[in-house]
């Protein structure tokens, strides 16, 4: 199973896309928290 994922470019594209989406969500959450702390 793991060997199949490592050699499949479609799986790598999906993993990369999920990683980008997660990192963007974390980045925007950080910005939101950071901005609300500054306003207090």
N, C-alpha and C. Protein backbone atom coordinates (compact mmCIF):
# COMPACT_ATOMS: atom_id res chain seq x y z
N UNK A 1 0.84 -1.20 0.00
CA UNK A 1 0.00 0.00 0.00
C UNK A 1 0.88 1.26 0.00
N UNK A 2 1.80 1.34 0.95
CA UNK A 2 2.68 2.51 1.03
C UNK A 2 3.57 2.61 -0.20
N UNK A 3 4.03 1.48 -0.70
CA UNK A 3 4.88 1.45 -1.89
C UNK A 3 4.12 1.96 -3.11
N UNK A 4 2.83 1.62 -3.19
CA UNK A 4 1.98 2.08 -4.30
C UNK A 4 1.81 3.60 -4.24
N UNK A 5 1.59 4.14 -3.04
CA UNK A 5 1.41 5.59 -2.88
C UNK A 5 2.69 6.34 -3.25
N UNK A 6 3.84 5.80 -2.84
CA UNK A 6 5.11 6.49 -3.08
C UNK A 6 5.46 6.58 -4.56
N UNK A 7 4.96 5.65 -5.37
CA UNK A 7 5.31 5.64 -6.80
C UNK A 7 4.17 6.14 -7.69
N UNK A 8 3.12 6.72 -7.09
CA UNK A 8 1.97 7.18 -7.88
C UNK A 8 1.93 8.71 -7.88
N UNK A 9 2.17 9.34 -9.03
CA UNK A 9 2.17 10.81 -9.09
C UNK A 9 0.82 11.43 -8.75
N UNK A 10 -0.28 10.72 -9.04
CA UNK A 10 -1.61 11.26 -8.72
C UNK A 10 -1.79 11.36 -7.21
N UNK A 11 -1.31 10.35 -6.50
CA UNK A 11 -1.38 10.36 -5.04
C UNK A 11 -0.52 11.50 -4.49
N UNK A 12 0.67 11.71 -5.05
CA UNK A 12 1.52 12.81 -4.61
C UNK A 12 0.84 14.15 -4.84
N UNK A 13 0.15 14.29 -5.97
CA UNK A 13 -0.57 15.54 -6.24
C UNK A 13 -1.67 15.77 -5.23
N UNK A 14 -2.39 14.70 -4.86
CA UNK A 14 -3.45 14.82 -3.86
C UNK A 14 -2.87 15.18 -2.50
N UNK A 15 -1.78 14.52 -2.13
CA UNK A 15 -1.14 14.81 -0.84
C UNK A 15 -0.63 16.25 -0.81
N UNK A 16 -0.04 16.69 -1.91
CA UNK A 16 0.46 18.06 -1.99
C UNK A 16 -0.69 19.06 -1.89
N UNK A 17 -1.79 18.79 -2.59
CA UNK A 17 -2.95 19.67 -2.52
C UNK A 17 -3.54 19.76 -1.13
N UNK A 18 -3.65 18.60 -0.45
CA UNK A 18 -4.18 18.58 0.92
C UNK A 18 -3.23 19.35 1.84
N UNK A 19 -1.93 19.18 1.64
CA UNK A 19 -0.95 19.90 2.46
C UNK A 19 -1.04 21.40 2.27
N UNK A 20 -1.23 21.84 1.02
CA UNK A 20 -1.35 23.28 0.75
C UNK A 20 -2.61 23.84 1.40
N UNK A 21 -3.73 23.12 1.28
CA UNK A 21 -4.98 23.57 1.88
C UNK A 21 -4.86 23.66 3.40
N UNK A 22 -4.26 22.65 4.02
CA UNK A 22 -4.09 22.65 5.48
C UNK A 22 -3.18 23.79 5.93
N UNK A 23 -2.09 24.01 5.17
CA UNK A 23 -1.17 25.08 5.56
C UNK A 23 -1.83 26.45 5.40
N UNK A 24 -2.65 26.63 4.37
CA UNK A 24 -3.36 27.90 4.20
C UNK A 24 -4.36 28.12 5.32
N UNK A 25 -5.07 27.05 5.72
CA UNK A 25 -6.03 27.17 6.83
C UNK A 25 -5.31 27.56 8.11
N UNK A 26 -4.19 26.91 8.39
CA UNK A 26 -3.42 27.22 9.60
C UNK A 26 -2.91 28.66 9.53
N UNK A 27 -2.46 29.10 8.36
CA UNK A 27 -1.94 30.46 8.20
C UNK A 27 -3.02 31.51 8.46
N UNK A 28 -4.22 31.29 7.88
CA UNK A 28 -5.30 32.24 8.09
C UNK A 28 -5.80 32.22 9.52
N UNK A 29 -5.81 31.04 10.16
CA UNK A 29 -6.19 30.95 11.57
C UNK A 29 -5.19 31.73 12.42
N UNK A 30 -3.90 31.58 12.11
CA UNK A 30 -2.86 32.33 12.84
C UNK A 30 -3.04 33.84 12.66
N UNK A 31 -3.30 34.28 11.43
CA UNK A 31 -3.51 35.70 11.18
C UNK A 31 -4.72 36.23 11.95
N UNK A 32 -5.80 35.45 11.95
CA UNK A 32 -7.02 35.86 12.65
C UNK A 32 -6.75 35.99 14.14
N UNK A 33 -6.09 35.00 14.74
CA UNK A 33 -5.79 35.03 16.17
C UNK A 33 -4.83 36.19 16.48
N UNK A 34 -3.82 36.37 15.64
CA UNK A 34 -2.85 37.44 15.85
C UNK A 34 -3.51 38.82 15.79
N UNK A 35 -4.40 39.01 14.83
CA UNK A 35 -5.08 40.30 14.67
C UNK A 35 -6.05 40.57 15.82
N UNK A 36 -6.75 39.55 16.31
CA UNK A 36 -7.68 39.78 17.41
C UNK A 36 -6.92 40.08 18.70
N UNK A 37 -5.72 39.53 18.87
CA UNK A 37 -4.92 39.85 20.06
C UNK A 37 -4.46 41.31 20.02
N UNK A 38 -4.12 41.84 18.86
CA UNK A 38 -3.64 43.21 18.75
C UNK A 38 -4.74 44.23 19.04
N UNK A 39 -5.98 43.90 18.74
CA UNK A 39 -7.09 44.85 18.91
C UNK A 39 -7.52 45.01 20.35
N UNK A 40 -7.14 44.11 21.25
CA UNK A 40 -7.58 44.21 22.63
C UNK A 40 -6.82 45.25 23.39
